[in-house]
Amino acid sequence: MRLWSIHPQYLDTKGLMALWREGLLAKKVLIGKTKGYKNHPQLQRFKDFKNPISAINSFLFYVLKEAENRGYKFNPQKIKIKKILVKEIPVKNGQIKFEFNHLLSKLKKRDRKQYQTLLKLKKSGKILVNPLFYLLQGGREKWEK
């Protein structure tokens, strides 16, 4: 399971589809509708939030918006949004660098065009995060393997 902290706009089609599916699985875990993945480290930041379901729904909302921007038809009924959260959960800039490099290694193999585009962005150092998160100084998150 990979619940990317970086903005979903950086993901290729395969990555965006996987993020949607894995985000929905994470939601099932958080509401207790699955037996597996209960202790997956990527879920910790959602579990630590005062309202984990609202946090995962907001996370998925931003994934949905990116899908809509690309003309994809993700089912908005899968997330029930009462309030969209913005900049509610901290993420360290070292985690963002780690994730961005991780994505680059995946894209180098499966989407060379997107890889080249993001390689240029990496040099600028201006990497956006999913709007649910806000940046703090520091290394990788404790929950990252």
N, C-alpha and C. Protein backbone atom coordinates (compact mmCIF):
# COMPACT_ATOMS: atom_id res chain seq x y z
N MET A 1 0.85 -1.18 0.00
CA MET A 1 0.00 0.00 0.00
C MET A 1 0.89 1.23 0.00
N ARG A 2 0.60 2.16 -0.89
CA ARG A 2 1.32 3.43 -0.95
C ARG A 2 0.29 4.54 -1.01
N LEU A 3 0.19 5.30 0.07
CA LEU A 3 -0.69 6.46 0.13
C LEU A 3 0.22 7.69 0.01
N TRP A 4 0.44 8.09 -1.23
CA TRP A 4 1.39 9.14 -1.54
C TRP A 4 1.06 10.45 -0.82
N SER A 5 2.08 11.08 -0.26
CA SER A 5 1.95 12.41 0.33
C SER A 5 2.11 13.48 -0.74
N ILE A 6 2.86 13.15 -1.80
CA ILE A 6 3.04 14.11 -2.89
C ILE A 6 1.70 14.31 -3.60
N HIS A 7 1.58 15.40 -4.31
CA HIS A 7 0.34 15.71 -5.01
C HIS A 7 0.05 14.64 -6.06
N PRO A 8 -1.20 14.21 -6.18
CA PRO A 8 -1.52 13.16 -7.17
C PRO A 8 -1.27 13.57 -8.62
N GLN A 9 -1.07 14.85 -8.89
CA GLN A 9 -0.81 15.29 -10.26
C GLN A 9 0.48 14.71 -10.82
N TYR A 10 1.38 14.27 -9.94
CA TYR A 10 2.66 13.73 -10.40
C TYR A 10 2.58 12.28 -10.84
N LEU A 11 1.52 11.61 -10.45
CA LEU A 11 1.40 10.18 -10.74
C LEU A 11 1.01 9.95 -12.20
N ASP A 12 1.53 8.89 -12.75
CA ASP A 12 1.08 8.47 -14.08
C ASP A 12 -0.27 7.79 -13.93
N THR A 13 -0.86 7.38 -15.03
CA THR A 13 -2.20 6.77 -14.98
C THR A 13 -2.23 5.56 -14.06
N LYS A 14 -1.26 4.68 -14.21
CA LYS A 14 -1.21 3.47 -13.39
C LYS A 14 -1.10 3.83 -11.91
N GLY A 15 -0.27 4.81 -11.59
CA GLY A 15 -0.10 5.22 -10.20
C GLY A 15 -1.34 5.86 -9.62
N LEU A 16 -2.04 6.67 -10.42
CA LEU A 16 -3.25 7.32 -9.94
C LEU A 16 -4.36 6.30 -9.69
N MET A 17 -4.49 5.34 -10.59
CA MET A 17 -5.50 4.28 -10.41
C MET A 17 -5.20 3.47 -9.15
N ALA A 18 -3.92 3.14 -8.96
CA ALA A 18 -3.53 2.37 -7.77
C ALA A 18 -3.77 3.18 -6.50
N LEU A 19 -3.49 4.47 -6.55
CA LEU A 19 -3.71 5.31 -5.37
C LEU A 19 -5.18 5.35 -4.98
N TRP A 20 -6.06 5.44 -5.97
CA TRP A 20 -7.50 5.43 -5.70
C TRP A 20 -7.91 4.12 -5.03
N ARG A 21 -7.50 3.00 -5.61
CA ARG A 21 -7.84 1.69 -5.05
C ARG A 21 -7.28 1.51 -3.65
N GLU A 22 -6.02 1.88 -3.48
CA GLU A 22 -5.38 1.70 -2.17
C GLU A 22 -5.95 2.66 -1.14
N GLY A 23 -6.34 3.86 -1.56
CA GLY A 23 -7.00 4.79 -0.65
C GLY A 23 -8.35 4.27 -0.20
N LEU A 24 -9.09 3.64 -1.13
CA LEU A 24 -10.38 3.04 -0.76
C LEU A 24 -10.18 1.86 0.19
N LEU A 25 -9.13 1.09 -0.03
CA LEU A 25 -8.81 -0.01 0.89
C LEU A 25 -8.46 0.57 2.26
N ALA A 26 -7.68 1.62 2.29
CA ALA A 26 -7.33 2.26 3.56
C ALA A 26 -8.59 2.73 4.30
N LYS A 27 -9.53 3.26 3.55
CA LYS A 27 -10.79 3.70 4.17
C LYS A 27 -11.51 2.51 4.80
N LYS A 28 -11.56 1.39 4.08
CA LYS A 28 -12.20 0.19 4.64
C LYS A 28 -11.51 -0.25 5.92
N VAL A 29 -10.19 -0.18 5.93
CA VAL A 29 -9.45 -0.55 7.14
C VAL A 29 -9.82 0.38 8.28
N LEU A 30 -9.86 1.67 8.01
CA LEU A 30 -10.13 2.65 9.06
C LEU A 30 -11.55 2.55 9.62
N ILE A 31 -12.50 2.08 8.80
CA ILE A 31 -13.86 1.93 9.32
C ILE A 31 -14.14 0.51 9.81
N GLY A 32 -13.10 -0.35 9.77
CA GLY A 32 -13.21 -1.69 10.31
C GLY A 32 -13.93 -2.68 9.42
N LYS A 33 -13.88 -2.49 8.11
CA LYS A 33 -14.57 -3.40 7.20
C LYS A 33 -13.64 -4.35 6.46
N THR A 34 -12.46 -4.56 7.00
CA THR A 34 -11.55 -5.54 6.42
C THR A 34 -10.67 -6.11 7.53
N LYS A 35 -10.18 -7.31 7.30
CA LYS A 35 -9.35 -7.96 8.32
C LYS A 35 -7.87 -7.67 8.10
N GLY A 36 -7.48 -7.45 6.86
CA GLY A 36 -6.08 -7.23 6.55
C GLY A 36 -5.68 -5.77 6.66
N TYR A 37 -4.39 -5.54 6.63
CA TYR A 37 -3.79 -4.19 6.58
C TYR A 37 -4.07 -3.33 7.81
N LYS A 38 -4.61 -3.90 8.87
CA LYS A 38 -4.98 -3.10 10.04
C LYS A 38 -3.83 -2.32 10.64
N ASN A 39 -2.64 -2.88 10.56
CA ASN A 39 -1.48 -2.23 11.16
C ASN A 39 -0.49 -1.73 10.12
N HIS A 40 -0.97 -1.46 8.94
CA HIS A 40 -0.08 -0.98 7.89
C HIS A 40 0.47 0.39 8.28
N PRO A 41 1.79 0.56 8.20
CA PRO A 41 2.40 1.82 8.66
C PRO A 41 1.89 3.07 7.94
N GLN A 42 1.51 2.96 6.68
CA GLN A 42 1.03 4.12 5.94
C GLN A 42 -0.28 4.68 6.52
N LEU A 43 -0.98 3.88 7.28
CA LEU A 43 -2.25 4.33 7.86
C LEU A 43 -2.09 5.15 9.14
N GLN A 44 -0.89 5.13 9.71
CA GLN A 44 -0.70 5.73 11.02
C GLN A 44 -1.09 7.20 11.08
N ARG A 45 -0.71 7.95 10.07
CA ARG A 45 -1.02 9.40 10.10
C ARG A 45 -2.52 9.65 10.04
N PHE A 46 -3.28 8.76 9.43
CA PHE A 46 -4.73 8.90 9.41
C PHE A 46 -5.31 8.47 10.75
N LYS A 47 -4.78 7.39 11.30
CA LYS A 47 -5.24 6.92 12.61
C LYS A 47 -4.97 7.96 13.70
N ASP A 48 -3.87 8.69 13.58
CA ASP A 48 -3.51 9.69 14.58
C ASP A 48 -4.35 10.96 14.48
N PHE A 49 -5.01 11.15 13.37
CA PHE A 49 -5.82 12.35 13.18
C PHE A 49 -7.11 12.25 14.00
N LYS A 50 -7.63 13.38 14.44
CA LYS A 50 -8.82 13.38 15.31
C LYS A 50 -10.03 12.71 14.67
N ASN A 51 -10.15 12.78 13.35
CA ASN A 51 -11.24 12.12 12.65
C ASN A 51 -10.65 11.39 11.43
N PRO A 52 -10.22 10.14 11.62
CA PRO A 52 -9.55 9.41 10.54
C PRO A 52 -10.38 9.27 9.26
N ILE A 53 -11.68 9.09 9.39
CA ILE A 53 -12.53 8.90 8.21
C ILE A 53 -12.61 10.20 7.41
N SER A 54 -12.75 11.30 8.09
CA SER A 54 -12.76 12.59 7.41
C SER A 54 -11.42 12.84 6.70
N ALA A 55 -10.33 12.45 7.34
CA ALA A 55 -9.00 12.62 6.74
C ALA A 55 -8.85 11.77 5.49
N ILE A 56 -9.23 10.50 5.55
CA ILE A 56 -9.06 9.65 4.37
C ILE A 56 -10.02 10.07 3.26
N ASN A 57 -11.21 10.51 3.61
CA ASN A 57 -12.14 11.00 2.59
C ASN A 57 -11.58 12.25 1.90
N SER A 58 -10.98 13.14 2.66
CA SER A 58 -10.38 14.33 2.08
C SER A 58 -9.20 13.95 1.19
N PHE A 59 -8.38 13.02 1.66
CA PHE A 59 -7.26 12.52 0.86
C PHE A 59 -7.78 12.00 -0.48
N LEU A 60 -8.82 11.18 -0.42
CA LEU A 60 -9.41 10.61 -1.64
C LEU A 60 -10.09 11.67 -2.50
N PHE A 61 -10.63 12.69 -1.88
CA PHE A 61 -11.25 13.77 -2.64
C PHE A 61 -10.23 14.41 -3.59
N TYR A 62 -9.02 14.63 -3.10
CA TYR A 62 -8.00 15.24 -3.94
C TYR A 62 -7.53 14.29 -5.04
N VAL A 63 -7.55 13.01 -4.77
CA VAL A 63 -7.25 12.02 -5.81
C VAL A 63 -8.36 12.03 -6.86
N LEU A 64 -9.60 12.09 -6.41
CA LEU A 64 -10.75 12.16 -7.31
C LEU A 64 -10.68 13.40 -8.20
N LYS A 65 -10.33 14.54 -7.62
CA LYS A 65 -10.24 15.78 -8.39
C LYS A 65 -9.16 15.67 -9.48
N GLU A 66 -8.05 15.06 -9.15
CA GLU A 66 -7.00 14.87 -10.16
C GLU A 66 -7.49 13.95 -11.27
N ALA A 67 -8.19 12.89 -10.90
CA ALA A 67 -8.75 11.98 -11.90
C ALA A 67 -9.72 12.73 -12.81
N GLU A 68 -10.59 13.54 -12.23
CA GLU A 68 -11.54 14.33 -13.03
C GLU A 68 -10.81 15.29 -13.96
N ASN A 69 -9.72 15.91 -13.47
CA ASN A 69 -8.93 16.82 -14.31
C ASN A 69 -8.39 16.11 -15.55
N ARG A 70 -8.16 14.81 -15.42
CA ARG A 70 -7.62 14.04 -16.54
C ARG A 70 -8.72 13.38 -17.38
N GLY A 71 -9.96 13.57 -16.98
CA GLY A 71 -11.07 12.99 -17.73
C GLY A 71 -11.41 11.57 -17.33
N TYR A 72 -10.90 11.09 -16.20
CA TYR A 72 -11.21 9.75 -15.72
C TYR A 72 -12.52 9.78 -14.93
N LYS A 73 -13.16 8.65 -14.84
CA LYS A 73 -14.46 8.55 -14.17
C LYS A 73 -14.35 7.68 -12.91
N PHE A 74 -13.79 8.23 -11.85
CA PHE A 74 -13.78 7.54 -10.57
C PHE A 74 -15.14 7.78 -9.93
N ASN A 75 -15.60 6.85 -9.13
CA ASN A 75 -16.92 6.95 -8.52
C ASN A 75 -16.88 7.83 -7.27
N PRO A 76 -17.45 9.04 -7.34
CA PRO A 76 -17.43 9.93 -6.17
C PRO A 76 -18.30 9.41 -5.02
N GLN A 77 -19.18 8.47 -5.30
CA GLN A 77 -20.02 7.91 -4.24
C GLN A 77 -19.22 7.06 -3.25
N LYS A 78 -18.01 6.71 -3.62
CA LYS A 78 -17.14 5.91 -2.75
C LYS A 78 -16.64 6.71 -1.55
N ILE A 79 -16.69 8.04 -1.68
CA ILE A 79 -16.28 8.89 -0.56
C ILE A 79 -17.43 9.84 -0.24
N LYS A 80 -17.71 9.94 0.99
CA LYS A 80 -18.79 10.82 1.42
C LYS A 80 -18.15 11.99 2.14
N ILE A 81 -18.13 13.11 1.46
CA ILE A 81 -17.46 14.31 1.98
C ILE A 81 -18.47 15.22 2.66
N LYS A 82 -18.23 15.49 3.93
CA LYS A 82 -19.04 16.48 4.63
C LYS A 82 -18.28 17.80 4.68
N LYS A 83 -16.98 17.69 4.87
CA LYS A 83 -16.12 18.86 4.92
C LYS A 83 -14.77 18.45 4.34
N ILE A 84 -14.24 19.25 3.44
CA ILE A 84 -12.95 18.96 2.85
C ILE A 84 -11.86 19.57 3.72
N LEU A 85 -10.94 18.75 4.15
CA LEU A 85 -9.85 19.20 5.00
C LEU A 85 -8.68 19.67 4.14
N VAL A 86 -8.07 20.76 4.55
CA VAL A 86 -6.91 21.30 3.86
C VAL A 86 -5.82 21.57 4.91
N LYS A 87 -4.62 21.13 4.61
CA LYS A 87 -3.45 21.38 5.46
C LYS A 87 -3.71 21.00 6.92
N GLU A 88 -4.17 19.79 7.11
CA GLU A 88 -4.50 19.32 8.46
C GLU A 88 -3.47 18.35 9.04
N ILE A 89 -2.75 17.64 8.19
CA ILE A 89 -1.84 16.59 8.67
C ILE A 89 -0.41 16.95 8.25
N PRO A 90 0.51 16.93 9.20
CA PRO A 90 1.89 17.27 8.86
C PRO A 90 2.60 16.14 8.11
N VAL A 91 3.53 16.53 7.26
CA VAL A 91 4.42 15.58 6.59
C VAL A 91 5.78 16.27 6.47
N LYS A 92 6.83 15.52 6.73
CA LYS A 92 8.18 16.09 6.69
C LYS A 92 8.69 16.20 5.26
N ASN A 93 9.46 17.26 5.02
CA ASN A 93 9.99 17.46 3.67
C ASN A 93 10.91 16.32 3.24
N GLY A 94 11.56 15.66 4.17
CA GLY A 94 12.37 14.48 3.83
C GLY A 94 11.53 13.34 3.30
N GLN A 95 10.32 13.23 3.81
CA GLN A 95 9.38 12.21 3.31
C GLN A 95 8.98 12.53 1.88
N ILE A 96 8.74 13.80 1.61
CA ILE A 96 8.36 14.21 0.26
C ILE A 96 9.49 13.91 -0.72
N LYS A 97 10.70 14.21 -0.34
CA LYS A 97 11.85 13.90 -1.21
C LYS A 97 11.96 12.40 -1.44
N PHE A 98 11.77 11.63 -0.37
CA PHE A 98 11.84 10.17 -0.50
C PHE A 98 10.76 9.67 -1.47
N GLU A 99 9.53 10.12 -1.28
CA GLU A 99 8.43 9.67 -2.14
C GLU A 99 8.64 10.09 -3.59
N PHE A 100 9.11 11.31 -3.78
CA PHE A 100 9.32 11.80 -5.14
C PHE A 100 10.39 10.96 -5.84
N ASN A 101 11.46 10.65 -5.14
CA ASN A 101 12.51 9.80 -5.72
C ASN A 101 11.99 8.38 -5.97
N HIS A 102 11.16 7.90 -5.07
CA HIS A 102 10.56 6.58 -5.24
C HIS A 102 9.68 6.55 -6.50
N LEU A 103 8.90 7.60 -6.67
CA LEU A 103 8.06 7.69 -7.87
C LEU A 103 8.93 7.78 -9.13
N LEU A 104 9.99 8.56 -9.07
CA LEU A 104 10.88 8.66 -10.23
C LEU A 104 11.43 7.30 -10.63
N SER A 105 11.80 6.49 -9.65
CA SER A 105 12.34 5.16 -9.98
C SER A 105 11.28 4.29 -10.65
N LYS A 106 10.04 4.41 -10.25
CA LYS A 106 8.95 3.67 -10.89
C LYS A 106 8.71 4.17 -12.31
N LEU A 107 8.68 5.49 -12.45
CA LEU A 107 8.39 6.08 -13.76
C LEU A 107 9.51 5.84 -14.77
N LYS A 108 10.71 5.73 -14.29
CA LYS A 108 11.84 5.48 -15.19
C LYS A 108 11.62 4.18 -15.97
N LYS A 109 10.93 3.23 -15.33
CA LYS A 109 10.66 1.94 -15.96
C LYS A 109 9.38 1.93 -16.78
N ARG A 110 8.36 2.68 -16.36
CA ARG A 110 7.05 2.51 -17.00
C ARG A 110 6.51 3.72 -17.75
N ASP A 111 7.09 4.91 -17.54
CA ASP A 111 6.59 6.10 -18.24
C ASP A 111 7.72 7.11 -18.38
N ARG A 112 8.52 6.93 -19.41
CA ARG A 112 9.72 7.75 -19.60
C ARG A 112 9.39 9.24 -19.79
N LYS A 113 8.29 9.53 -20.44
CA LYS A 113 7.92 10.93 -20.65
C LYS A 113 7.63 11.62 -19.32
N GLN A 114 6.83 10.99 -18.49
CA GLN A 114 6.51 11.55 -17.17
C GLN A 114 7.78 11.61 -16.32
N TYR A 115 8.62 10.62 -16.45
CA TYR A 115 9.90 10.61 -15.72
C TYR A 115 10.72 11.84 -16.08
N GLN A 116 10.87 12.13 -17.35
CA GLN A 116 11.66 13.29 -17.79
C GLN A 116 11.05 14.60 -17.28
N THR A 117 9.73 14.69 -17.33
CA THR A 117 9.05 15.89 -16.83
C THR A 117 9.32 16.10 -15.35
N LEU A 118 9.20 15.04 -14.57
CA LEU A 118 9.39 15.15 -13.12
C LEU A 118 10.85 15.34 -12.74
N LEU A 119 11.74 14.82 -13.55
CA LEU A 119 13.16 15.02 -13.29
C LEU A 119 13.50 16.51 -13.34
N LYS A 120 12.90 17.21 -14.28
CA LYS A 120 13.10 18.67 -14.37
C LYS A 120 12.51 19.37 -13.14
N LEU A 121 11.34 18.91 -12.70
CA LEU A 121 10.69 19.49 -11.53
C LEU A 121 11.54 19.26 -10.28
N LYS A 122 12.14 18.09 -10.17
CA LYS A 122 12.97 17.77 -9.01
C LYS A 122 14.10 18.79 -8.85
N LYS A 123 14.66 19.21 -9.95
CA LYS A 123 15.76 20.18 -9.91
C LYS A 123 15.29 21.52 -9.36
N SER A 124 14.02 21.85 -9.58
CA SER A 124 13.49 23.12 -9.07
C SER A 124 13.24 23.04 -7.57
N GLY A 125 13.02 21.83 -7.05
CA GLY A 125 12.78 21.64 -5.63
C GLY A 125 11.40 22.06 -5.16
N LYS A 126 10.50 22.37 -6.08
CA LYS A 126 9.16 22.84 -5.71
C LYS A 126 8.14 21.73 -5.94
N ILE A 127 8.12 20.80 -5.03
CA ILE A 127 7.24 19.65 -5.13
C ILE A 127 6.01 19.89 -4.25
N LEU A 128 4.85 19.79 -4.85
CA LEU A 128 3.60 19.99 -4.12
C LEU A 128 3.19 18.73 -3.38
N VAL A 129 2.43 18.91 -2.32
CA VAL A 129 1.89 17.78 -1.57
C VAL A 129 0.38 17.71 -1.76
N ASN A 130 -0.19 16.56 -1.46
CA ASN A 130 -1.64 16.44 -1.43
C ASN A 130 -2.14 17.55 -0.50
N PRO A 131 -3.14 18.32 -0.90
CA PRO A 131 -3.58 19.47 -0.08
C PRO A 131 -4.03 19.12 1.34
N LEU A 132 -4.22 17.86 1.66
CA LEU A 132 -4.55 17.46 3.03
C LEU A 132 -3.36 17.71 3.97
N PHE A 133 -2.16 17.67 3.40
CA PHE A 133 -0.94 17.74 4.21
C PHE A 133 -0.31 19.12 4.19
N TYR A 134 0.50 19.37 5.20
CA TYR A 134 1.35 20.57 5.21
C TYR A 134 2.76 20.14 5.60
N LEU A 135 3.73 20.89 5.10
CA LEU A 135 5.13 20.53 5.25
C LEU A 135 5.76 20.99 6.56
N LEU A 136 6.57 20.10 7.10
CA LEU A 136 7.43 20.40 8.24
C LEU A 136 8.86 20.04 7.83
N GLN A 137 9.82 20.61 8.52
CA GLN A 137 11.21 20.24 8.29
C GLN A 137 11.47 18.89 8.94
N GLY A 138 12.33 18.11 8.31
CA GLY A 138 12.70 16.83 8.91
C GLY A 138 12.96 15.77 7.86
N GLY A 139 13.32 14.61 8.34
CA GLY A 139 13.64 13.48 7.45
C GLY A 139 12.40 12.68 7.09
N ARG A 140 12.63 11.41 6.82
CA ARG A 140 11.51 10.54 6.51
C ARG A 140 10.64 10.34 7.75
N GLU A 141 9.37 10.05 7.48
CA GLU A 141 8.43 9.77 8.58
C GLU A 141 8.76 8.43 9.23
N LYS A 142 8.42 8.30 10.50
CA LYS A 142 8.67 7.04 11.23
C LYS A 142 7.96 5.86 10.62
N TRP A 143 6.78 6.12 10.02
CA TRP A 143 5.99 5.02 9.47
C TRP A 143 6.51 4.55 8.11
N GLU A 144 7.41 5.29 7.51
CA GLU A 144 7.94 4.89 6.20
C GLU A 144 8.92 3.74 6.36
N LYS A 145 8.78 2.74 5.51
CA LYS A 145 9.70 1.59 5.57
C LYS A 145 10.99 1.91 4.84
